[in-house]
Protein backbone atom coordinates (compact mmCIF):
# COMPACT_ATOMS: atom_id res chain seq x y z
CA MET A 1 95.39 95.65 85.66
CA LYS A 2 95.72 92.08 84.42
CA ARG A 3 99.44 92.07 85.29
CA THR A 4 98.66 93.29 88.81
CA VAL A 5 96.17 90.49 89.37
CA ILE A 6 98.58 87.88 88.03
CA PHE A 7 101.44 89.26 90.17
CA ALA A 8 99.22 89.20 93.28
CA ALA A 9 98.16 85.62 92.51
CA VAL A 10 101.79 84.53 92.12
CA LEU A 11 102.75 86.16 95.42
CA ALA A 12 99.80 84.55 97.20
CA ALA A 13 100.67 81.14 95.80
CA ALA A 14 104.32 81.51 96.79
CA ALA A 15 103.51 82.61 100.33
CA PRO A 16 104.04 79.89 102.92
CA ALA A 17 101.04 78.54 104.76
CA HIS A 18 101.38 77.99 108.50
CA ALA A 19 98.92 76.80 111.06
CA GLY A 20 97.92 79.80 113.15
CA THR A 21 100.10 82.41 111.46
CA TYR A 22 100.40 83.65 107.94
CA TYR A 23 103.98 84.87 108.09
CA ASN A 24 106.41 84.16 110.89
CA GLY A 25 109.92 85.28 111.78
CA ASN A 26 111.50 82.33 109.97
CA ASP A 27 109.79 83.36 106.75
CA LEU A 28 110.80 86.99 107.20
CA TYR A 29 114.40 86.08 108.05
CA GLU A 30 114.63 83.94 104.92
CA GLU A 31 113.34 86.77 102.72
CA CYS A 32 115.49 89.41 104.41
CA SER A 33 118.60 87.25 104.01
CA LYS A 34 118.37 87.52 100.22
CA ASP A 35 120.54 90.22 98.66
CA SER A 36 118.12 91.21 95.95
CA GLY A 37 115.03 90.22 94.04
CA GLY A 38 111.48 89.56 95.15
CA GLY A 39 112.39 88.25 98.58
CA TRP A 40 114.26 91.39 99.46
CA ALA A 41 111.28 93.50 98.34
CA ILE A 42 108.89 91.37 100.40
CA CYS A 43 111.17 91.82 103.41
CA LEU A 44 111.27 95.61 103.08
CA GLY A 45 107.54 95.83 102.37
CA HIS A 46 106.71 93.92 105.52
CA ILE A 47 109.09 95.95 107.68
CA LEU A 48 107.94 99.30 106.29
CA GLY A 49 104.30 98.37 106.81
CA VAL A 50 104.93 97.63 110.47
CA TYR A 51 107.05 100.80 110.80
CA ASP A 52 104.14 102.83 109.42
CA SER A 53 101.90 101.37 112.11
CA LEU A 54 104.45 102.45 114.71
CA LEU A 55 104.44 105.99 113.31
CA SER A 56 100.65 106.13 113.39
CA LYS A 57 100.78 106.33 117.17
CA PRO A 58 101.58 109.66 118.83
CA ILE A 59 105.09 108.77 119.93
CA ASP A 60 108.10 110.99 119.61
CA CYS A 61 110.88 108.42 119.70
CA ALA A 62 110.52 106.88 116.25
CA PRO A 63 112.96 108.62 113.92
CA ASN A 64 111.42 110.21 110.84
CA ALA A 65 114.67 110.20 108.87
CA VAL A 66 115.38 106.49 109.23
CA ARG A 67 116.03 104.69 105.96
CA ALA A 68 114.48 101.41 104.85
CA LYS A 69 117.84 99.61 104.79
CA GLN A 70 118.52 100.77 108.35
CA LEU A 71 115.18 99.32 109.50
CA ARG A 72 115.99 96.08 107.67
CA ASP A 73 119.36 95.93 109.43
CA VAL A 74 117.71 96.45 112.83
CA VAL A 75 115.15 93.71 112.21
CA VAL A 76 117.65 91.21 110.78
CA GLN A 77 120.00 91.84 113.70
CA SER A 78 117.15 91.13 116.12
CA LEU A 79 116.14 87.97 114.24
CA GLN A 80 119.76 86.78 114.26
CA ALA A 81 120.15 87.54 117.97
CA HIS A 82 116.92 85.72 118.91
CA PRO A 83 116.46 82.63 116.72
CA GLU A 84 114.34 81.10 119.50
CA LYS A 85 111.61 83.65 118.70
CA ARG A 86 111.50 83.24 114.91
CA HIS A 87 108.46 80.97 115.06
CA LEU A 88 106.41 83.95 116.32
CA VAL A 89 104.35 86.26 114.12
CA ALA A 90 106.64 88.35 111.90
CA SER A 91 104.72 91.59 112.41
CA SER A 92 105.19 91.45 116.17
CA LEU A 93 108.88 90.58 115.84
CA VAL A 94 109.41 93.55 113.51
CA PHE A 95 107.45 95.87 115.79
CA TYR A 96 109.44 94.96 118.89
CA ALA A 97 112.80 95.01 117.07
CA ILE A 98 112.12 98.59 115.93
CA LYS A 99 110.67 99.59 119.30
CA ASP A 100 113.63 98.16 121.21
CA ALA A 101 116.11 99.88 118.89
CA PHE A 102 114.53 103.34 118.78
CA CYS A 103 111.95 103.54 121.57
CA PRO A 104 113.16 101.34 124.42
CA ARG A 105 111.33 103.33 127.11
CA ALA A 106 108.06 103.75 125.23
CA ASP A 107 105.13 101.82 126.70
CA ILE A 108 103.53 100.76 123.44
CA VAL A 109 102.24 97.53 122.00
CA PRO A 110 101.23 96.74 118.43
CA PRO A 111 97.57 97.54 117.71
CA TRP A 112 96.90 93.85 116.95
CA GLU A 113 97.98 92.83 120.49
CA LYS A 114 95.52 95.04 122.34
């Protein structure tokens, strides 16, 4: 338990602080660009959390057999293709990257944008 609390405190202290947003596309791109280590895990954790929110909606276009690395590749490709949007909230950028890749015709928005 003590290790968990210390680990959480270290992660919180290392997280960047931004006016208006906690974690933006620049932060996510930086973490996702790392080949291994804590940054890579943070990247995947963020992407998988958003992907889970996408699956929580009754849509049939999101693939169930997609792998975490595939989702990471989709998001990184989107962040690379649109550097002008990296200042936006990371969760929304991840959501729309996955939606555009797998569900381009679906009329859905992230729950936090409703």
